[in-house]
Amino acid sequence: MILQASEGAAPKESHRTLEERWILARLAQTQREVERFLGEFDFSHMVDELYHLTFDDFCDWYAEAVKGRLYDGDEDARATAVAALERLLKLLHPAMPHVTEEIWSNLPARESRLIVAPWPEAGDDTEAGALNEVQEAAVVFRRSGVLAKLEGEERRIFDAVVKPAEGAGDGNAAAEMERLQREISRAEGMLANDRFTQNAPADVVEAEREKLARYRRELDAISR
C-alpha cells in the first residue's frame, strides 16, 4: 500500500503530524533495542522486537493512520512513509535479508543494494509513547464498545485505525467503569499482600503491577 500510494516520492522525514512523530520515534527506539540484542547475540528477542514493530506499530497503526493522507496526495505523508519504510527494511534486513532486499529494490531511486546501504542513525525516540492513550482507547472500545474522550489528532488517528463508525459504539460506560474498578481493587489487594509480593515469582508480581497500571489508565480514559 505504501509503495503504491507513494510512488515517485523521495524519502524525507517529516514530523508534522502525530502518527509521523510516533512511528519515527518507535523506529528509533526499536533500533536501539535491535543494536543491543545484536551485540548480545540475542536473536530471539531481536526478532520479537522487530515483529511487534512491523505488525503492531507499522502495519496496524501507522499504515492505517496515514492511509487517507497518502491517497489524498499529501506530499509530507508520502515522503515520510517512504523514509519510514526504508528505515524499517534496514532494521529487518539482518533477520530476513532476501525479502527485505526484494522490497528495497522497489523503492524509488535506489543507488545500492540494501546489504551495502549504510546503517541509519537511530534518531530521537522521545515520542515513542505518543499514541499510548489512543491505543488504550482502542483496547477499551474493542472490548466494551465504550468510546474514550479523544480530540484533535488523537481522535483522527483513532477513527482511521479503529473505525468506530463501523462497529458497535453503544457500550455501557458505567458497567465498564465498574468492572475496571473491581479489577483495580483486586490488583491493589494482591500487591498489598506481603505474602504475594515476597513469595510469588518476580515476573508474576511485575505482571500484576503492569495490569494495575493498565486498569488505571483505561479507567481514566473513559471517565475524564
Protein backbone atom coordinates (compact mmCIF):
# COMPACT_ATOMS: atom_id res chain seq x y z
CA MET A 1 0.00 0.00 0.00
CA ILE A 2 2.75 2.46 0.93
CA LEU A 3 4.77 1.70 -2.20
CA GLN A 4 1.73 2.09 -4.41
CA ALA A 5 0.38 5.25 -2.78
CA SER A 6 3.82 6.88 -2.52
CA GLU A 7 5.07 6.05 -5.99
CA GLY A 8 7.74 8.52 -7.08
CA ALA A 9 8.13 10.16 -3.65
CA ALA A 10 11.67 10.72 -2.40
CA PRO A 11 12.26 9.67 1.22
CA LYS A 12 12.25 12.62 3.61
CA GLU A 13 11.22 12.50 7.25
CA SER A 14 8.56 14.96 8.36
CA HIS A 15 7.46 15.38 11.96
CA ARG A 16 4.36 17.39 11.12
CA THR A 17 1.69 15.02 12.41
CA LEU A 18 1.32 12.80 15.45
CA GLU A 19 1.48 9.48 13.59
CA GLU A 20 4.70 10.57 11.83
CA ARG A 21 6.42 11.68 15.03
CA TRP A 22 5.29 8.47 16.72
CA ILE A 23 6.41 5.95 14.08
CA LEU A 24 9.79 7.64 13.63
CA ALA A 25 10.29 7.56 17.41
CA ARG A 26 9.24 3.89 17.57
CA LEU A 27 11.68 3.06 14.78
CA ALA A 28 14.45 4.82 16.70
CA GLN A 29 13.51 3.12 19.97
CA THR A 30 13.43 -0.32 18.36
CA GLN A 31 16.70 0.30 16.54
CA ARG A 32 18.45 0.84 19.87
CA GLU A 33 16.97 -2.42 21.15
CA VAL A 34 17.98 -4.26 17.96
CA GLU A 35 21.54 -2.96 18.26
CA ARG A 36 21.68 -4.09 21.89
CA PHE A 37 20.33 -7.56 21.10
CA LEU A 38 22.71 -7.96 18.16
CA GLY A 39 25.61 -7.07 20.43
CA GLU A 40 24.47 -9.74 22.88
CA PHE A 41 23.77 -12.30 20.11
CA ASP A 42 20.21 -12.42 21.44
CA PHE A 43 18.44 -13.10 18.15
CA SER A 44 15.21 -14.39 19.69
CA HIS A 45 14.44 -11.12 21.47
CA MET A 46 15.65 -9.11 18.48
CA VAL A 47 13.15 -10.87 16.21
CA ASP A 48 10.38 -10.40 18.78
CA GLU A 49 11.03 -6.64 18.89
CA LEU A 50 11.01 -6.45 15.09
CA TYR A 51 7.82 -8.50 14.85
CA HIS A 52 5.90 -6.10 17.12
CA LEU A 53 7.35 -3.04 15.40
CA THR A 54 6.38 -4.34 11.96
CA PHE A 55 2.94 -5.80 12.55
CA ASP A 56 1.63 -3.95 15.60
CA ASP A 57 3.11 -0.50 15.05
CA PHE A 58 3.92 -0.08 11.37
CA CYS A 59 1.12 -2.11 9.76
CA ASP A 60 -1.74 -1.99 12.27
CA TRP A 61 -1.33 1.61 13.42
CA TYR A 62 0.91 3.78 11.25
CA ALA A 63 -0.17 2.48 7.83
CA GLU A 64 -3.85 2.70 8.73
CA ALA A 65 -3.48 6.15 10.29
CA VAL A 66 -1.66 7.61 7.30
CA LYS A 67 -3.57 5.79 4.54
CA GLY A 68 -6.08 8.57 3.89
CA ARG A 69 -3.37 11.22 3.64
CA LEU A 70 -1.36 9.08 1.23
CA TYR A 71 -4.29 8.58 -1.12
CA ASP A 72 -5.10 12.31 -0.87
CA GLY A 73 -1.62 13.05 -2.24
CA ASP A 74 -0.18 14.64 0.94
CA GLU A 75 3.47 15.12 -0.04
CA ASP A 76 4.78 15.13 3.55
CA ALA A 77 2.91 11.91 4.26
CA ARG A 78 4.21 10.25 1.08
CA ALA A 79 7.84 11.25 1.66
CA THR A 80 7.77 10.24 5.32
CA ALA A 81 6.09 6.92 4.54
CA VAL A 82 8.89 6.00 2.14
CA ALA A 83 11.53 7.14 4.65
CA ALA A 84 9.89 5.15 7.46
CA LEU A 85 9.61 2.05 5.26
CA GLU A 86 13.27 2.45 4.31
CA ARG A 87 14.26 2.53 7.99
CA LEU A 88 12.09 -0.48 8.77
CA LEU A 89 13.66 -2.52 5.97
CA LYS A 90 17.16 -1.72 7.26
CA LEU A 91 16.21 -2.90 10.75
CA LEU A 92 14.62 -6.07 9.38
CA HIS A 93 17.47 -6.89 6.99
CA PRO A 94 19.64 -8.84 9.49
CA ALA A 95 16.67 -11.09 10.27
CA MET A 96 15.20 -11.55 6.77
CA PRO A 97 17.69 -10.41 4.12
CA HIS A 98 16.09 -11.87 0.98
CA VAL A 99 12.59 -10.44 1.47
CA THR A 100 13.85 -7.01 2.53
CA GLU A 101 16.27 -6.87 -0.40
CA GLU A 102 13.40 -7.54 -2.82
CA ILE A 103 11.19 -4.83 -1.29
CA TRP A 104 14.15 -2.42 -1.19
CA SER A 105 14.64 -2.84 -4.93
CA ASN A 106 11.13 -1.45 -5.47
CA LEU A 107 11.76 1.76 -3.53
CA PRO A 108 12.39 4.86 -5.67
CA ALA A 109 15.92 5.95 -6.60
CA ARG A 110 17.83 3.05 -5.05
CA GLU A 111 21.55 3.73 -5.51
CA SER A 112 22.73 0.47 -3.97
CA ARG A 113 21.52 -2.86 -2.72
CA LEU A 114 20.23 -2.94 0.83
CA ILE A 115 23.03 -5.20 2.04
CA VAL A 116 25.57 -2.41 1.43
CA ALA A 117 23.32 0.53 2.35
CA PRO A 118 24.54 2.47 5.42
CA TRP A 119 23.03 1.64 8.79
CA PRO A 120 20.92 4.64 9.90
CA GLU A 121 21.40 6.87 12.91
CA ALA A 122 18.76 5.95 15.47
CA GLY A 123 17.35 9.45 15.94
CA ASP A 124 15.06 10.80 18.65
CA ASP A 125 12.74 8.35 20.42
CA THR A 126 11.16 10.70 22.96
CA GLU A 127 7.70 10.42 21.36
CA ALA A 128 7.67 6.62 21.23
CA GLY A 129 4.74 6.64 23.66
CA ALA A 130 2.78 9.37 21.87
CA LEU A 131 -0.05 7.01 20.87
CA ASN A 132 -0.42 5.27 24.24
CA GLU A 133 -3.73 6.92 25.08
CA VAL A 134 -5.13 6.27 21.60
CA GLN A 135 -4.12 2.62 21.74
CA GLU A 136 -5.58 2.18 25.22
CA ALA A 137 -8.80 3.77 24.00
CA ALA A 138 -8.81 1.23 21.16
CA VAL A 139 -8.47 -1.67 23.61
CA VAL A 140 -11.38 -0.36 25.68
CA PHE A 141 -13.58 0.20 22.64
CA ARG A 142 -12.89 -3.19 21.10
CA ARG A 143 -13.63 -4.91 24.38
CA SER A 144 -16.65 -2.96 25.57
CA GLY A 145 -17.87 -0.63 22.82
CA VAL A 146 -17.19 2.35 25.11
CA LEU A 147 -15.64 5.38 23.42
CA ALA A 148 -12.96 7.26 25.34
CA LYS A 149 -12.76 11.03 25.05
CA LEU A 150 -10.15 11.89 22.44
CA GLU A 151 -9.69 15.10 20.49
CA GLY A 152 -7.70 16.52 17.59
CA GLU A 153 -5.05 14.31 16.06
CA GLU A 154 -5.69 11.55 18.59
CA ARG A 155 -9.35 11.35 17.52
CA ARG A 156 -8.41 11.42 13.83
CA ILE A 157 -5.97 8.54 14.27
CA PHE A 158 -8.40 6.55 16.43
CA ASP A 159 -11.15 6.91 13.84
CA ALA A 160 -8.81 5.95 10.98
CA VAL A 161 -7.45 2.85 12.68
CA VAL A 162 -10.31 1.58 14.85
CA LYS A 163 -13.17 2.75 12.59
CA PRO A 164 -15.72 3.06 15.40
CA ALA A 165 -18.47 4.06 12.96
CA GLU A 166 -18.34 0.52 11.55
CA GLY A 167 -18.74 -1.17 14.93
CA ALA A 168 -20.93 -1.05 17.98
CA GLY A 169 -20.19 2.18 19.81
CA ASP A 170 -23.03 1.98 22.32
CA GLY A 171 -21.17 0.26 25.14
CA ASN A 172 -22.19 0.69 28.73
CA ALA A 173 -19.64 3.11 30.15
CA ALA A 174 -20.91 2.78 33.73
CA ALA A 175 -20.63 -1.01 33.60
CA GLU A 176 -17.13 -0.88 32.13
CA MET A 177 -16.02 1.62 34.78
CA GLU A 178 -17.42 -0.63 37.49
CA ARG A 179 -15.60 -3.65 36.03
CA LEU A 180 -12.31 -1.75 35.89
CA GLN A 181 -12.74 -0.52 39.47
CA ARG A 182 -13.23 -4.14 40.59
CA GLU A 183 -10.06 -5.17 38.75
CA ILE A 184 -8.15 -2.28 40.33
CA SER A 185 -9.33 -3.25 43.81
CA ARG A 186 -8.36 -6.87 43.20
CA ALA A 187 -4.89 -5.97 41.92
CA GLU A 188 -4.31 -3.46 44.71
CA GLY A 189 -5.27 -6.12 47.25
CA MET A 190 -2.83 -8.63 45.79
CA LEU A 191 0.01 -6.13 45.68
CA ALA A 192 -0.68 -5.04 49.26
CA ASN A 193 -0.33 -8.66 50.39
CA ASP A 194 3.26 -9.20 51.56
CA ARG A 195 2.93 -12.98 51.17
CA PHE A 196 2.21 -12.49 47.48
CA THR A 197 4.87 -9.87 46.74
CA GLN A 198 7.58 -11.67 48.71
CA ASN A 199 6.85 -15.26 47.69
CA ALA A 200 5.49 -15.09 44.15
CA PRO A 201 7.97 -15.15 41.24
CA ALA A 202 9.24 -11.68 40.37
CA ASP A 203 7.76 -11.79 36.86
CA VAL A 204 4.31 -12.66 38.28
CA VAL A 205 4.43 -9.71 40.68
CA GLU A 206 5.62 -7.39 37.90
CA ALA A 207 2.83 -8.62 35.61
CA GLU A 208 0.30 -7.76 38.31
CA ARG A 209 1.77 -4.27 38.67
CA GLU A 210 1.51 -3.79 34.91
CA LYS A 211 -2.13 -4.93 34.96
CA LEU A 212 -2.93 -2.47 37.74
CA ALA A 213 -1.30 0.40 35.83
CA ARG A 214 -3.22 -0.57 32.67
CA TYR A 215 -6.56 -0.80 34.50
CA ARG A 216 -5.99 2.66 35.99
CA ARG A 217 -5.13 4.15 32.58
CA GLU A 218 -8.20 2.57 30.98
CA LEU A 219 -10.45 3.83 33.75
CA ASP A 220 -9.00 7.32 33.37
CA ALA A 221 -9.55 7.17 29.60
CA ILE A 222 -13.29 6.61 29.87
CA SER A 223 -14.01 8.67 32.97
CA ARG A 224 -12.41 12.00 32.09
